[in-house]
Amino acid sequence: MTEKIKPRQQQILKLLLENKAGLSIDEIATALDISRNAVQQHFTVLEKDGYIQTGVVSKTAGRPVRSFVLTEAGINSFPKQYAWFSELILTDLKNEMGSEGFKRYLHRLASNLSQSLLPQFIGKQPDERLDGLLNVMDSLGFKTKKITDSDSNEPMIEACNCIYHDLAQKHEEMCEFDRTLMSSLLDKDIEQVECMAKGGAVCCFKIIDT
């Protein structure tokens, strides 16, 4: 579950997950043995954050009763096993293609992605392209910054995290995706000089002028 969701709110979301047709405030209060006002306060937060929404309004003894249901965000707040499934797929691909074939596949994957992003980079100066690349990487989940190599004075990209660290530890070919994406968008060669998956403190990429 998303960390900012409080334990009681997690219980409410779990009840709604188990009751897709929706539940009323009174039904939630009874199930959790808490006051109606407490449920309303939690609902206010959950609705504001986009986890729940009003469902069907029905009448009970002449009084309209609102039910509440999970939104897609509410459903997605529950834990997923993407890493496990990704590992399953990548292991199968690598076994079928071999290491070099798998590396070529990742190269092609990154090249295809870069083609969809290139219109944002065409006609821009090198510094602007680098800033654009950092924005792309940050949007993918990397925490990046531009640094300068103390020896060659060449620009470098440093990422203090790896968005698929566990996968890269098992499949070092994963780094080919990053190198290819950077190289394609900057139109320059990229040399990876440090890798977290191989024990480095950060992932660091040198931009080489050719």
Protein backbone atom coordinates (compact mmCIF):
# COMPACT_ATOMS: atom_id res chain seq x y z
CA MET A 1 0.00 0.00 0.00
CA THR A 2 1.04 3.61 -0.55
CA GLU A 3 2.92 4.75 2.56
CA LYS A 4 0.93 7.96 3.12
CA ILE A 5 -2.33 6.01 3.52
CA LYS A 6 -3.01 5.54 7.22
CA PRO A 7 -3.73 2.08 8.67
CA ARG A 8 -7.44 2.79 9.23
CA GLN A 9 -7.75 4.14 5.69
CA GLN A 10 -6.04 1.00 4.41
CA GLN A 11 -8.70 -1.04 6.19
CA ILE A 12 -11.42 0.99 4.49
CA LEU A 13 -9.82 0.50 1.07
CA LYS A 14 -9.50 -3.24 1.73
CA LEU A 15 -13.23 -3.46 2.57
CA LEU A 16 -14.08 -1.62 -0.64
CA LEU A 17 -11.76 -3.89 -2.61
CA GLU A 18 -13.65 -6.90 -1.26
CA ASN A 19 -17.01 -5.24 -2.00
CA LYS A 20 -16.75 -3.93 -5.54
CA ALA A 21 -20.41 -2.83 -5.63
CA GLY A 22 -19.56 -0.32 -2.90
CA LEU A 23 -20.31 0.25 0.77
CA SER A 24 -22.02 3.05 2.66
CA ILE A 25 -20.55 5.03 5.52
CA ASP A 26 -22.75 3.13 7.97
CA GLU A 27 -21.65 -0.24 6.58
CA ILE A 28 -17.98 0.72 6.91
CA ALA A 29 -18.55 2.03 10.45
CA THR A 30 -20.23 -1.23 11.47
CA ALA A 31 -17.56 -3.43 9.86
CA LEU A 32 -14.71 -1.55 11.55
CA ASP A 33 -16.58 -0.79 14.80
CA ILE A 34 -15.83 2.93 14.60
CA SER A 35 -18.06 6.00 14.58
CA ARG A 36 -19.81 7.31 11.52
CA ASN A 37 -18.01 10.64 11.92
CA ALA A 38 -14.63 8.88 11.91
CA VAL A 39 -15.51 7.13 8.64
CA GLN A 40 -16.64 10.43 7.12
CA GLN A 41 -13.31 12.04 8.04
CA HIS A 42 -11.36 9.20 6.41
CA PHE A 43 -13.63 9.32 3.36
CA THR A 44 -12.97 13.04 2.96
CA VAL A 45 -9.23 12.37 2.75
CA LEU A 46 -9.53 9.29 0.52
CA GLU A 47 -11.90 11.06 -1.87
CA LYS A 48 -9.67 14.13 -2.01
CA ASP A 49 -6.65 11.94 -2.83
CA GLY A 50 -8.61 10.18 -5.56
CA TYR A 51 -8.77 6.71 -4.00
CA ILE A 52 -12.57 6.49 -3.70
CA GLN A 53 -15.61 8.02 -5.37
CA THR A 54 -19.37 8.04 -4.96
CA GLY A 55 -21.06 4.95 -6.31
CA VAL A 56 -24.75 4.14 -6.46
CA VAL A 57 -27.22 6.24 -4.45
CA SER A 58 -30.05 4.06 -3.13
CA LYS A 59 -32.99 4.64 -0.82
CA THR A 60 -33.39 2.92 2.54
CA ALA A 61 -36.63 3.65 4.41
CA GLY A 62 -37.08 6.71 2.23
CA ARG A 63 -33.62 8.08 3.00
CA PRO A 64 -31.04 8.29 0.15
CA VAL A 65 -27.88 6.36 1.01
CA ARG A 66 -24.65 6.92 -0.87
CA SER A 67 -22.28 4.05 -1.42
CA PHE A 68 -18.59 4.52 -2.15
CA VAL A 69 -16.38 2.52 -4.49
CA LEU A 70 -12.68 2.32 -5.27
CA THR A 71 -11.24 4.30 -8.16
CA GLU A 72 -8.43 2.94 -10.34
CA ALA A 73 -5.99 4.79 -8.07
CA GLY A 74 -7.53 3.04 -5.09
CA ILE A 75 -7.14 -0.36 -6.71
CA ASN A 76 -3.57 0.48 -7.70
CA SER A 77 -2.71 1.47 -4.12
CA PHE A 78 -2.46 -2.22 -3.24
CA PRO A 79 0.92 -3.94 -3.64
CA LYS A 80 1.87 -5.19 -7.09
CA GLN A 81 4.45 -7.76 -8.15
CA TYR A 82 5.78 -6.05 -11.26
CA ALA A 83 9.41 -6.81 -10.38
CA TRP A 84 8.71 -10.53 -10.02
CA PHE A 85 6.81 -10.65 -13.32
CA SER A 86 9.46 -8.58 -15.11
CA GLU A 87 12.17 -10.93 -13.84
CA LEU A 88 10.19 -13.91 -15.17
CA ILE A 89 9.88 -12.35 -18.63
CA LEU A 90 13.47 -11.11 -18.85
CA THR A 91 14.94 -14.42 -17.73
CA ASP A 92 12.91 -16.24 -20.37
CA LEU A 93 13.97 -13.74 -23.06
CA LYS A 94 17.63 -14.02 -22.11
CA ASN A 95 17.51 -17.81 -22.06
CA GLU A 96 15.93 -17.82 -25.52
CA MET A 97 18.14 -15.13 -27.10
CA GLY A 98 21.41 -15.57 -25.27
CA SER A 99 23.26 -12.70 -23.59
CA GLU A 100 24.28 -10.87 -26.79
CA GLY A 101 20.85 -11.29 -28.37
CA PHE A 102 19.22 -10.00 -25.19
CA LYS A 103 21.54 -6.99 -25.22
CA ARG A 104 20.62 -6.25 -28.85
CA TYR A 105 16.95 -6.51 -27.92
CA LEU A 106 17.37 -3.90 -25.15
CA HIS A 107 19.33 -1.69 -27.56
CA ARG A 108 16.46 -1.88 -30.05
CA LEU A 109 13.89 -1.21 -27.33
CA ALA A 110 15.70 1.96 -26.22
CA SER A 111 16.19 3.06 -29.84
CA ASN A 112 12.46 2.76 -30.48
CA LEU A 113 11.69 4.80 -27.36
CA SER A 114 14.19 7.47 -28.34
CA GLN A 115 12.55 7.85 -31.76
CA SER A 116 9.30 8.90 -30.09
CA LEU A 117 11.19 11.45 -27.95
CA LEU A 118 13.58 12.86 -30.57
CA PRO A 119 11.22 15.63 -31.84
CA GLN A 120 11.73 17.32 -28.44
CA PHE A 121 15.51 17.40 -29.03
CA ILE A 122 15.91 18.25 -32.71
CA GLY A 123 17.44 21.69 -33.29
CA LYS A 124 18.48 22.18 -29.68
CA GLN A 125 21.97 23.01 -28.47
CA PRO A 126 24.00 20.34 -26.59
CA ASP A 127 23.29 21.86 -23.16
CA GLU A 128 19.58 22.03 -23.95
CA ARG A 129 19.58 18.41 -25.12
CA LEU A 130 21.31 17.37 -21.92
CA ASP A 131 18.74 19.21 -19.80
CA GLY A 132 16.00 17.53 -21.84
CA LEU A 133 17.54 14.10 -21.26
CA LEU A 134 17.74 14.70 -17.51
CA ASN A 135 14.04 15.61 -17.54
CA VAL A 136 13.21 12.42 -19.45
CA MET A 137 15.21 10.29 -17.04
CA ASP A 138 13.64 11.99 -14.02
CA SER A 139 10.19 11.33 -15.49
CA LEU A 140 11.13 7.63 -15.70
CA GLY A 141 12.00 7.64 -12.00
CA PHE A 142 15.73 8.31 -12.01
CA LYS A 143 17.20 10.94 -9.70
CA THR A 144 19.81 12.53 -11.94
CA LYS A 145 22.15 15.48 -12.11
CA LYS A 146 24.85 16.82 -14.40
CA ILE A 147 28.43 16.70 -13.12
CA THR A 148 31.83 17.32 -14.70
CA ASP A 149 34.65 14.79 -14.96
CA SER A 150 37.55 16.21 -12.94
CA ASP A 151 40.15 14.70 -15.29
CA SER A 152 38.79 15.35 -18.78
CA ASN A 153 36.38 18.19 -17.91
CA GLU A 154 33.74 16.31 -19.93
CA PRO A 155 30.08 16.43 -18.84
CA MET A 156 28.71 13.39 -17.06
CA ILE A 157 25.29 12.19 -15.91
CA GLU A 158 25.03 10.84 -12.38
CA ALA A 159 22.01 8.89 -11.13
CA CYS A 160 21.84 8.17 -7.41
CA ASN A 161 19.26 5.44 -7.98
CA CYS A 162 18.53 2.68 -10.47
CA ILE A 163 14.85 2.19 -11.34
CA TYR A 164 15.42 -1.53 -11.97
CA HIS A 165 18.27 -2.21 -9.56
CA ASP A 166 17.25 -5.78 -8.69
CA LEU A 167 16.83 -6.68 -12.37
CA ALA A 168 20.18 -5.11 -13.31
CA GLN A 169 21.94 -7.13 -10.61
CA LYS A 170 20.68 -10.32 -12.25
CA HIS A 171 20.92 -9.09 -15.85
CA GLU A 172 23.82 -6.68 -16.40
CA GLU A 173 22.63 -6.24 -19.98
CA MET A 174 19.90 -3.93 -18.62
CA CYS A 175 22.36 -1.05 -18.62
CA GLU A 176 22.41 -1.21 -22.43
CA PHE A 177 18.93 0.30 -22.40
CA ASP A 178 20.14 3.38 -20.49
CA ARG A 179 23.28 3.84 -22.59
CA THR A 180 21.37 3.57 -25.85
CA LEU A 181 18.63 5.97 -24.77
CA MET A 182 21.18 8.58 -23.65
CA SER A 183 23.30 8.18 -26.75
CA SER A 184 20.33 8.45 -29.11
CA LEU A 185 18.84 11.55 -27.50
CA LEU A 186 22.17 13.37 -27.12
CA ASP A 187 23.57 12.12 -30.45
CA LYS A 188 26.84 11.36 -28.67
CA ASP A 189 28.69 8.28 -27.47
CA ILE A 190 28.12 7.26 -23.85
CA GLU A 191 30.56 5.45 -21.57
CA GLN A 192 29.28 4.03 -18.30
CA VAL A 193 31.98 4.53 -15.69
CA GLU A 194 30.13 3.41 -12.55
CA CYS A 195 27.20 1.08 -11.95
CA MET A 196 25.19 0.51 -8.79
CA ALA A 197 24.33 -3.03 -9.87
CA LYS A 198 28.05 -3.81 -9.88
CA GLY A 199 28.67 -2.30 -6.45
CA GLY A 200 29.08 1.36 -7.33
CA ALA A 201 27.69 4.12 -5.14
CA VAL A 202 25.90 5.67 -8.14
CA CYS A 203 25.34 5.05 -11.83
CA CYS A 204 27.56 7.42 -13.77
CA PHE A 205 27.70 8.00 -17.54
CA LYS A 206 30.38 10.00 -19.37
CA ILE A 207 29.29 11.94 -22.47
CA ILE A 208 31.99 11.62 -25.12
CA ASP A 209 32.42 14.16 -27.91
CA THR A 210 33.25 12.47 -31.19
